[in-house]
Amino acid sequence: LVFGGVIAPEVGLLPLGFSAASIDDSSGTPSPTCLTYDPLNPTQADGQMALHLAPAHGGLEGLPYGVLVLAGLGEPQGAVSGLVQTFGDLPYGTPVMFGGQSFLGFTPGTTYAGGSRTFTLGSALPTAPTLYRLRFASSAGEWAIQIPPGTGPIVLPVPPSAYGDRTMTGTSVIAPTVEALQLQPSASSTALVSFVNGPMAFELLQEIQAFSTVGVTVQ
């Protein structure tokens, strides 16, 4: 899937259009160069697809544009990998090239042991990300932990009694997700975790060039 839209403050990417294609793997060697053609544009070359995008309107004019390419596997649980590019403007007919970017893979063998509160990253990715984020989400809110590549098992602290434990729902351990993030060359991983000068969530999209997310096995 390819989404295009504007990046709005406090919101993130507001889609203004999307397109889709599938990999023709009949040759046994699937690659991005053999995307099936867009039936609305039958003359386009292999590996290309047209993004049907509405112009910014309704107060969205002047906001930066973002183009997001998603590839999903379905298994392992919720596995999605994506590429991101942002633009100050995106006139009709502008080519968006992802040839120099690679999808990040997933980390097989990643586990979270709820009893000991121990998170263990699995196998290293072929393309090393800038950082990982372990995310727990429940009705009480979210908890995200930034983790440098190559980090060994980490034990999550128990929150003070006055605060809820966002790794649990009642007596059940929440199954977290782990994200691999590849930042833009100009971005700083230190700035991303700064409580003072770090970007808001919607700004994070402009700092990333590739990411992947997958559910973590709970032991």
C-alpha atoms as a PDB file:
ATOM      1  CA  LEU A   1       0.000   0.000   0.000  1.00  0.00           C
ATOM      2  CA  VAL A   2       1.130   3.547  -0.748  1.00  0.00           C
ATOM      3  CA  PHE A   3      -0.457   6.416   1.170  1.00  0.00           C
ATOM      4  CA  GLY A   4       0.001  10.096   0.409  1.00  0.00           C
ATOM      5  CA  GLY A   5      -1.195  13.039   2.436  1.00  0.00           C
ATOM      6  CA  VAL A   6      -0.234  15.986   4.580  1.00  0.00           C
ATOM      7  CA  ILE A   7       1.404  15.947   8.004  1.00  0.00           C
ATOM      8  CA  ALA A   8      -0.867  17.894  10.324  1.00  0.00           C
ATOM      9  CA  PRO A   9       0.112  19.201  13.787  1.00  0.00           C
ATOM     10  CA  GLU A  10      -1.202  17.102  16.688  1.00  0.00           C
ATOM     11  CA  VAL A  11      -2.539  14.529  14.207  1.00  0.00           C
ATOM     12  CA  GLY A  12       0.155  13.058  11.947  1.00  0.00           C
ATOM     13  CA  LEU A  13      -0.404  11.889   8.385  1.00  0.00           C
ATOM     14  CA  LEU A  14      -3.830  12.786   7.015  1.00  0.00           C
ATOM     15  CA  PRO A  15      -4.275  10.595   3.911  1.00  0.00           C
ATOM     16  CA  LEU A  16      -5.405  12.314   0.735  1.00  0.00           C
ATOM     17  CA  GLY A  17      -5.143   9.212  -1.412  1.00  0.00           C
ATOM     18  CA  PHE A  18      -3.683   5.738  -1.699  1.00  0.00           C
ATOM     19  CA  SER A  19      -2.736   3.098  -4.221  1.00  0.00           C
ATOM     20  CA  ALA A  20      -1.912  -0.580  -3.971  1.00  0.00           C
ATOM     21  CA  ALA A  21       0.011  -3.235  -5.861  1.00  0.00           C
ATOM     22  CA  SER A  22       1.095  -6.795  -5.285  1.00  0.00           C
ATOM     23  CA  ILE A  23       4.356  -8.612  -5.894  1.00  0.00           C
ATOM     24  CA  ASP A  24       4.305 -10.985  -8.841  1.00  0.00           C
ATOM     25  CA  ASP A  25       6.358 -13.841  -7.422  1.00  0.00           C
ATOM     26  CA  SER A  26       5.669 -16.306 -10.224  1.00  0.00           C
ATOM     27  CA  SER A  27       9.364 -16.188 -11.091  1.00  0.00           C
ATOM     28  CA  GLY A  28      10.247 -17.321  -7.577  1.00  0.00           C
ATOM     29  CA  THR A  29      12.339 -14.194  -7.016  1.00  0.00           C
ATOM     30  CA  PRO A  30       9.971 -11.439  -5.870  1.00  0.00           C
ATOM     31  CA  SER A  31      11.389  -7.948  -5.815  1.00  0.00           C
ATOM     32  CA  PRO A  32      10.074  -4.364  -5.926  1.00  0.00           C
ATOM     33  CA  THR A  33      10.850  -4.277  -9.656  1.00  0.00           C
ATOM     34  CA  CYS A  34       7.989  -6.669 -10.421  1.00  0.00           C
ATOM     35  CA  LEU A  35       5.049  -4.836  -8.884  1.00  0.00           C
ATOM     36  CA  THR A  36       1.915  -5.550 -10.836  1.00  0.00           C
ATOM     37  CA  TYR A  37       0.793  -2.599 -12.928  1.00  0.00           C
ATOM     38  CA  ASP A  38      -1.913  -0.149 -11.954  1.00  0.00           C
ATOM     39  CA  PRO A  39      -4.972  -0.938 -14.137  1.00  0.00           C
ATOM     40  CA  LEU A  40      -5.694   2.817 -14.335  1.00  0.00           C
ATOM     41  CA  ASN A  41      -2.220   3.377 -15.793  1.00  0.00           C
ATOM     42  CA  PRO A  42      -1.474   0.313 -17.942  1.00  0.00           C
ATOM     43  CA  THR A  43       1.491   1.900 -19.733  1.00  0.00           C
ATOM     44  CA  GLN A  44       3.643   2.433 -16.638  1.00  0.00           C
ATOM     45  CA  ALA A  45       6.816   0.404 -16.257  1.00  0.00           C
ATOM     46  CA  ASP A  46       7.359  -2.461 -13.858  1.00  0.00           C
ATOM     47  CA  GLY A  47       8.272  -1.284 -10.377  1.00  0.00           C
ATOM     48  CA  GLN A  48       6.243   1.909 -10.771  1.00  0.00           C
ATOM     49  CA  MET A  49       2.774   2.793  -9.599  1.00  0.00           C
ATOM     50  CA  ALA A  50       0.638   5.911  -9.728  1.00  0.00           C
ATOM     51  CA  LEU A  51      -0.420   7.525  -6.450  1.00  0.00           C
ATOM     52  CA  HIS A  52      -3.923   8.947  -6.759  1.00  0.00           C
ATOM     53  CA  LEU A  53      -3.730  11.970  -4.480  1.00  0.00           C
ATOM     54  CA  ALA A  54      -6.233  14.755  -3.866  1.00  0.00           C
ATOM     55  CA  PRO A  55      -4.819  18.270  -3.457  1.00  0.00           C
ATOM     56  CA  ALA A  56      -4.567  19.702   0.039  1.00  0.00           C
ATOM     57  CA  HIS A  57      -7.817  21.463   0.892  1.00  0.00           C
ATOM     58  CA  GLY A  58     -10.074  22.519   3.744  1.00  0.00           C
ATOM     59  CA  GLY A  59      -7.365  24.298   5.712  1.00  0.00           C
ATOM     60  CA  LEU A  60      -4.620  21.755   4.968  1.00  0.00           C
ATOM     61  CA  GLU A  61      -2.921  23.964   2.389  1.00  0.00           C
ATOM     62  CA  GLY A  62       0.723  24.753   3.124  1.00  0.00           C
ATOM     63  CA  LEU A  63       1.358  21.706   5.315  1.00  0.00           C
ATOM     64  CA  PRO A  64       4.230  19.346   4.426  1.00  0.00           C
ATOM     65  CA  TYR A  65       3.414  16.227   2.434  1.00  0.00           C
ATOM     66  CA  GLY A  66       4.267  12.667   3.354  1.00  0.00           C
ATOM     67  CA  VAL A  67       4.353   9.492   1.268  1.00  0.00           C
ATOM     68  CA  LEU A  68       4.224   6.202   3.152  1.00  0.00           C
ATOM     69  CA  VAL A  69       4.831   2.774   1.587  1.00  0.00           C
ATOM     70  CA  LEU A  70       3.639  -0.201   3.653  1.00  0.00           C
ATOM     71  CA  ALA A  71       4.366  -3.886   3.137  1.00  0.00           C
ATOM     72  CA  GLY A  72       2.548  -6.331   5.396  1.00  0.00           C
ATOM     73  CA  LEU A  73       3.178 -10.004   5.965  1.00  0.00           C
ATOM     74  CA  GLY A  74       0.272 -10.766   8.282  1.00  0.00           C
ATOM     75  CA  GLU A  75       2.482 -13.298  10.054  1.00  0.00           C
ATOM     76  CA  PRO A  76       4.312 -13.004  12.338  1.00  0.00           C
ATOM     77  CA  GLN A  77       1.608 -11.218  14.291  1.00  0.00           C
ATOM     78  CA  GLY A  78       0.797  -7.844  12.770  1.00  0.00           C
ATOM     79  CA  ALA A  79       4.109  -7.592  10.924  1.00  0.00           C
ATOM     80  CA  VAL A  80       4.308  -4.354   8.904  1.00  0.00           C
ATOM     81  CA  SER A  81       7.324  -2.642   7.358  1.00  0.00           C
ATOM     82  CA  GLY A  82       7.284   0.836   5.861  1.00  0.00           C
ATOM     83  CA  LEU A  83       9.255   3.508   4.028  1.00  0.00           C
ATOM     84  CA  VAL A  84       8.698   7.237   4.483  1.00  0.00           C
ATOM     85  CA  GLN A  85       9.483  10.345   2.461  1.00  0.00           C
ATOM     86  CA  THR A  86       8.396  13.898   3.204  1.00  0.00           C
ATOM     87  CA  PHE A  87       8.147  16.960   0.972  1.00  0.00           C
ATOM     88  CA  GLY A  88       7.506  20.648   1.407  1.00  0.00           C
ATOM     89  CA  ASP A  89       5.273  20.435  -1.657  1.00  0.00           C
ATOM     90  CA  LEU A  90       4.228  17.626  -3.982  1.00  0.00           C
ATOM     91  CA  PRO A  91       3.138  18.979  -7.391  1.00  0.00           C
ATOM     92  CA  TYR A  92       1.258  16.727  -9.785  1.00  0.00           C
ATOM     93  CA  GLY A  93       3.607  14.377 -11.634  1.00  0.00           C
ATOM     94  CA  THR A  94       6.413  14.526  -9.044  1.00  0.00           C
ATOM     95  CA  PRO A  95       8.300  11.196  -9.048  1.00  0.00           C
ATOM     96  CA  VAL A  96       8.794   9.735  -5.581  1.00  0.00           C
ATOM     97  CA  MET A  97      11.816   7.444  -5.644  1.00  0.00           C
ATOM     98  CA  PHE A  98      12.436   4.788  -2.996  1.00  0.00           C
ATOM     99  CA  GLY A  99      15.221   3.025  -4.875  1.00  0.00           C
ATOM    100  CA  GLY A 100      17.895   3.858  -2.294  1.00  0.00           C
ATOM    101  CA  GLN A 101      15.814   2.787   0.709  1.00  0.00           C
ATOM    102  CA  SER A 102      15.369  -0.713   2.071  1.00  0.00           C
ATOM    103  CA  PHE A 103      12.498  -2.133   4.067  1.00  0.00           C
ATOM    104  CA  LEU A 104      13.527  -3.043   7.581  1.00  0.00           C
ATOM    105  CA  GLY A 105      12.909  -6.650   8.494  1.00  0.00           C
ATOM    106  CA  PHE A 106      11.661  -8.082  11.754  1.00  0.00           C
ATOM    107  CA  THR A 107      13.439  -9.477  14.784  1.00  0.00           C
ATOM    108  CA  PRO A 108      12.735 -13.216  15.007  1.00  0.00           C
ATOM    109  CA  GLY A 109      13.054 -14.651  18.491  1.00  0.00           C
ATOM    110  CA  THR A 110      12.095 -11.428  20.290  1.00  0.00           C
ATOM    111  CA  THR A 111      10.351 -12.266  23.584  1.00  0.00           C
ATOM    112  CA  TYR A 112       8.930 -10.686  26.716  1.00  0.00           C
ATOM    113  CA  ALA A 113       8.804 -12.754  29.919  1.00  0.00           C
ATOM    114  CA  GLY A 114       5.992 -11.231  31.933  1.00  0.00           C
ATOM    115  CA  GLY A 115       6.874 -12.949  35.200  1.00  0.00           C
ATOM    116  CA  SER A 116      10.421 -11.568  35.320  1.00  0.00           C
ATOM    117  CA  ARG A 117       9.551  -8.452  33.246  1.00  0.00           C
ATOM    118  CA  THR A 118      12.467  -9.302  30.928  1.00  0.00           C
ATOM    119  CA  PHE A 119      12.552  -8.164  27.296  1.00  0.00           C
ATOM    120  CA  THR A 120      14.970  -9.877  24.911  1.00  0.00           C
ATOM    121  CA  LEU A 121      15.638  -8.697  21.365  1.00  0.00           C
ATOM    122  CA  GLY A 122      15.868 -11.427  18.766  1.00  0.00           C
ATOM    123  CA  SER A 123      18.231 -11.789  15.829  1.00  0.00           C
ATOM    124  CA  ALA A 124      19.878  -8.663  14.438  1.00  0.00           C
ATOM    125  CA  LEU A 125      18.347  -7.184  11.293  1.00  0.00           C
ATOM    126  CA  PRO A 126      20.333  -7.195   8.004  1.00  0.00           C
ATOM    127  CA  THR A 127      19.954  -3.395   7.941  1.00  0.00           C
ATOM    128  CA  ALA A 128      20.614  -2.116  11.447  1.00  0.00           C
ATOM    129  CA  PRO A 129      18.003   0.393  12.666  1.00  0.00           C
ATOM    130  CA  THR A 130      18.896   3.525  14.592  1.00  0.00           C
ATOM    131  CA  LEU A 131      16.892   2.311  17.569  1.00  0.00           C
ATOM    132  CA  TYR A 132      14.113  -0.002  18.705  1.00  0.00           C
ATOM    133  CA  ARG A 133      10.995   0.928  20.640  1.00  0.00           C
ATOM    134  CA  LEU A 134       9.142  -1.510  22.865  1.00  0.00           C
ATOM    135  CA  ARG A 135       5.519  -0.397  23.205  1.00  0.00           C
ATOM    136  CA  PHE A 136       2.807  -1.457  25.630  1.00  0.00           C
ATOM    137  CA  ALA A 137      -0.728  -0.143  25.053  1.00  0.00           C
ATOM    138  CA  SER A 138      -3.809  -0.535  27.220  1.00  0.00           C
ATOM    139  CA  SER A 139      -6.863   1.430  28.298  1.00  0.00           C
ATOM    140  CA  ALA A 140      -4.632   3.060  30.935  1.00  0.00           C
ATOM    141  CA  GLY A 141      -2.339   4.509  28.255  1.00  0.00           C
ATOM    142  CA  GLU A 142       0.929   3.637  26.528  1.00  0.00           C
ATOM    143  CA  TRP A 143       4.490   3.015  27.606  1.00  0.00           C
ATOM    144  CA  ALA A 144       7.323   3.190  25.055  1.00  0.00           C
ATOM    145  CA  ILE A 145      10.910   2.205  25.851  1.00  0.00           C
ATOM    146  CA  GLN A 146      13.716   3.235  23.475  1.00  0.00           C
ATOM    147  CA  ILE A 147      16.370   0.542  23.054  1.00  0.00           C
ATOM    148  CA  PRO A 148      19.704   0.853  21.170  1.00  0.00           C
ATOM    149  CA  PRO A 149      20.593  -1.955  18.731  1.00  0.00           C
ATOM    150  CA  GLY A 150      22.720  -4.692  20.247  1.00  0.00           C
ATOM    151  CA  THR A 151      21.263  -4.277  23.721  1.00  0.00           C
ATOM    152  CA  GLY A 152      21.090  -7.455  25.779  1.00  0.00           C
ATOM    153  CA  PRO A 153      18.071  -8.552  27.823  1.00  0.00           C
ATOM    154  CA  ILE A 154      16.589  -5.734  29.889  1.00  0.00           C
ATOM    155  CA  VAL A 155      14.403  -5.960  32.984  1.00  0.00           C
ATOM    156  CA  LEU A 156      11.609  -3.394  33.089  1.00  0.00           C
ATOM    157  CA  PRO A 157      11.226  -1.631  36.436  1.00  0.00           C
ATOM    158  CA  VAL A 158       8.117  -2.092  38.548  1.00  0.00           C
ATOM    159  CA  PRO A 159       6.212   1.219  38.718  1.00  0.00           C
ATOM    160  CA  PRO A 160       5.581   2.885  42.098  1.00  0.00           C
ATOM    161  CA  SER A 161       2.390   1.756  43.818  1.00  0.00           C
ATOM    162  CA  ALA A 162       0.718   5.102  43.103  1.00  0.00           C
ATOM    163  CA  TYR A 163       0.946   4.460  39.344  1.00  0.00           C
ATOM    164  CA  GLY A 164      -0.663   1.835  37.175  1.00  0.00           C
ATOM    165  CA  ASP A 165       1.424  -0.891  35.547  1.00  0.00           C
ATOM    166  CA  ARG A 166       1.022  -0.414  31.808  1.00  0.00           C
ATOM    167  CA  THR A 167       2.495  -3.837  31.090  1.00  0.00           C
ATOM    168  CA  MET A 168      -0.550  -5.479  32.700  1.00  0.00           C
ATOM    169  CA  THR A 169      -4.327  -5.552  32.349  1.00  0.00           C
ATOM    170  CA  GLY A 170      -5.558  -6.820  35.678  1.00  0.00           C
ATOM    171  CA  THR A 171      -3.563 -10.003  36.183  1.00  0.00           C
ATOM    172  CA  SER A 172      -2.857 -10.532  32.466  1.00  0.00           C
ATOM    173  CA  VAL A 173       0.388  -9.548  30.755  1.00  0.00           C
ATOM    174  CA  ILE A 174      -0.098  -7.251  27.774  1.00  0.00           C
ATOM    175  CA  ALA A 175       1.477  -8.489  24.550  1.00  0.00           C
ATOM    176  CA  PRO A 176       3.751  -5.615  23.448  1.00  0.00           C
ATOM    177  CA  THR A 177       4.979  -4.659  20.001  1.00  0.00           C
ATOM    178  CA  VAL A 178       8.544  -3.854  18.999  1.00  0.00           C
ATOM    179  CA  GLU A 179       9.331  -1.202  16.413  1.00  0.00           C
ATOM    180  CA  ALA A 180      12.572  -0.823  14.502  1.00  0.00           C
ATOM    181  CA  LEU A 181      13.201   2.795  13.439  1.00  0.00           C
ATOM    182  CA  GLN A 182      15.689   4.027  10.850  1.00  0.00           C
ATOM    183  CA  LEU A 183      16.051   7.777  11.243  1.00  0.00           C
ATOM    184  CA  GLN A 184      16.865  10.342   8.592  1.00  0.00           C
ATOM    185  CA  PRO A 185      20.631  11.117   8.447  1.00  0.00           C
ATOM    186  CA  SER A 186      19.943  14.577   9.859  1.00  0.00           C
ATOM    187  CA  ALA A 187      17.897  13.273  12.789  1.00  0.00           C
ATOM    188  CA  SER A 188      19.260  12.641  16.271  1.00  0.00           C
ATOM    189  CA  SER A 189      18.191   9.624  18.318  1.00  0.00           C
ATOM    190  CA  THR A 190      19.087  11.632  21.422  1.00  0.00           C
ATOM    191  CA  ALA A 191      16.622  14.358  20.449  1.00  0.00           C
ATOM    192  CA  LEU A 192      13.868  11.788  20.008  1.00  0.00           C
ATOM    193  CA  VAL A 193      13.992  10.795  23.676  1.00  0.00           C
ATOM    194  CA  SER A 194      14.490  14.290  25.071  1.00  0.00           C
ATOM    195  CA  PHE A 195      11.655  15.427  27.331  1.00  0.00           C
ATOM    196  CA  VAL A 196      12.548  19.058  26.624  1.00  0.00           C
ATOM    197  CA  ASN A 197      13.339  19.322  22.931  1.00  0.00           C
ATOM    198  CA  GLY A 198      12.142  15.987  21.548  1.00  0.00           C
ATOM    199  CA  PRO A 199       9.608  15.994  18.692  1.00  0.00           C
ATOM    200  CA  MET A 200       5.925  15.454  19.275  1.00  0.00           C
ATOM    201  CA  ALA A 201       4.483  12.189  17.967  1.00  0.00           C
ATOM    202  CA  PHE A 202       3.229  13.794  14.740  1.00  0.00           C
ATOM    203  CA  GLU A 203       6.695  15.269  14.089  1.00  0.00           C
ATOM    204  CA  LEU A 204       8.349  11.863  14.432  1.00  0.00           C
ATOM    205  CA  LEU A 205       7.104  10.956  10.959  1.00  0.00           C
ATOM    206  CA  GLN A 206       9.396  13.618   9.491  1.00  0.00           C
ATOM    207  CA  GLU A 207      12.427  12.130  11.285  1.00  0.00           C
ATOM    208  CA  ILE A 208      11.997   8.545  10.025  1.00  0.00           C
ATOM    209  CA  GLN A 209      12.953   7.030   6.677  1.00  0.00           C
ATOM    210  CA  ALA A 210      12.057   3.387   7.433  1.00  0.00           C
ATOM    211  CA  PHE A 211      10.384   1.374  10.169  1.00  0.00           C
ATOM    212  CA  SER A 212       8.939  -2.026  11.003  1.00  0.00           C
ATOM    213  CA  THR A 213       6.610  -3.208  13.738  1.00  0.00           C
ATOM    214  CA  VAL A 214       5.682  -6.685  14.932  1.00  0.00           C
ATOM    215  CA  GLY A 215       3.992  -8.290  17.903  1.00  0.00           C
ATOM    216  CA  VAL A 216       6.239  -9.743  20.607  1.00  0.00           C
ATOM    217  CA  THR A 217       5.840 -13.296  21.926  1.00  0.00           C
ATOM    218  CA  VAL A 218       4.914 -13.297  25.625  1.00  0.00           C
ATOM    219  CA  GLN A 219       6.367 -16.113  27.696  1.00  0.00           C
END
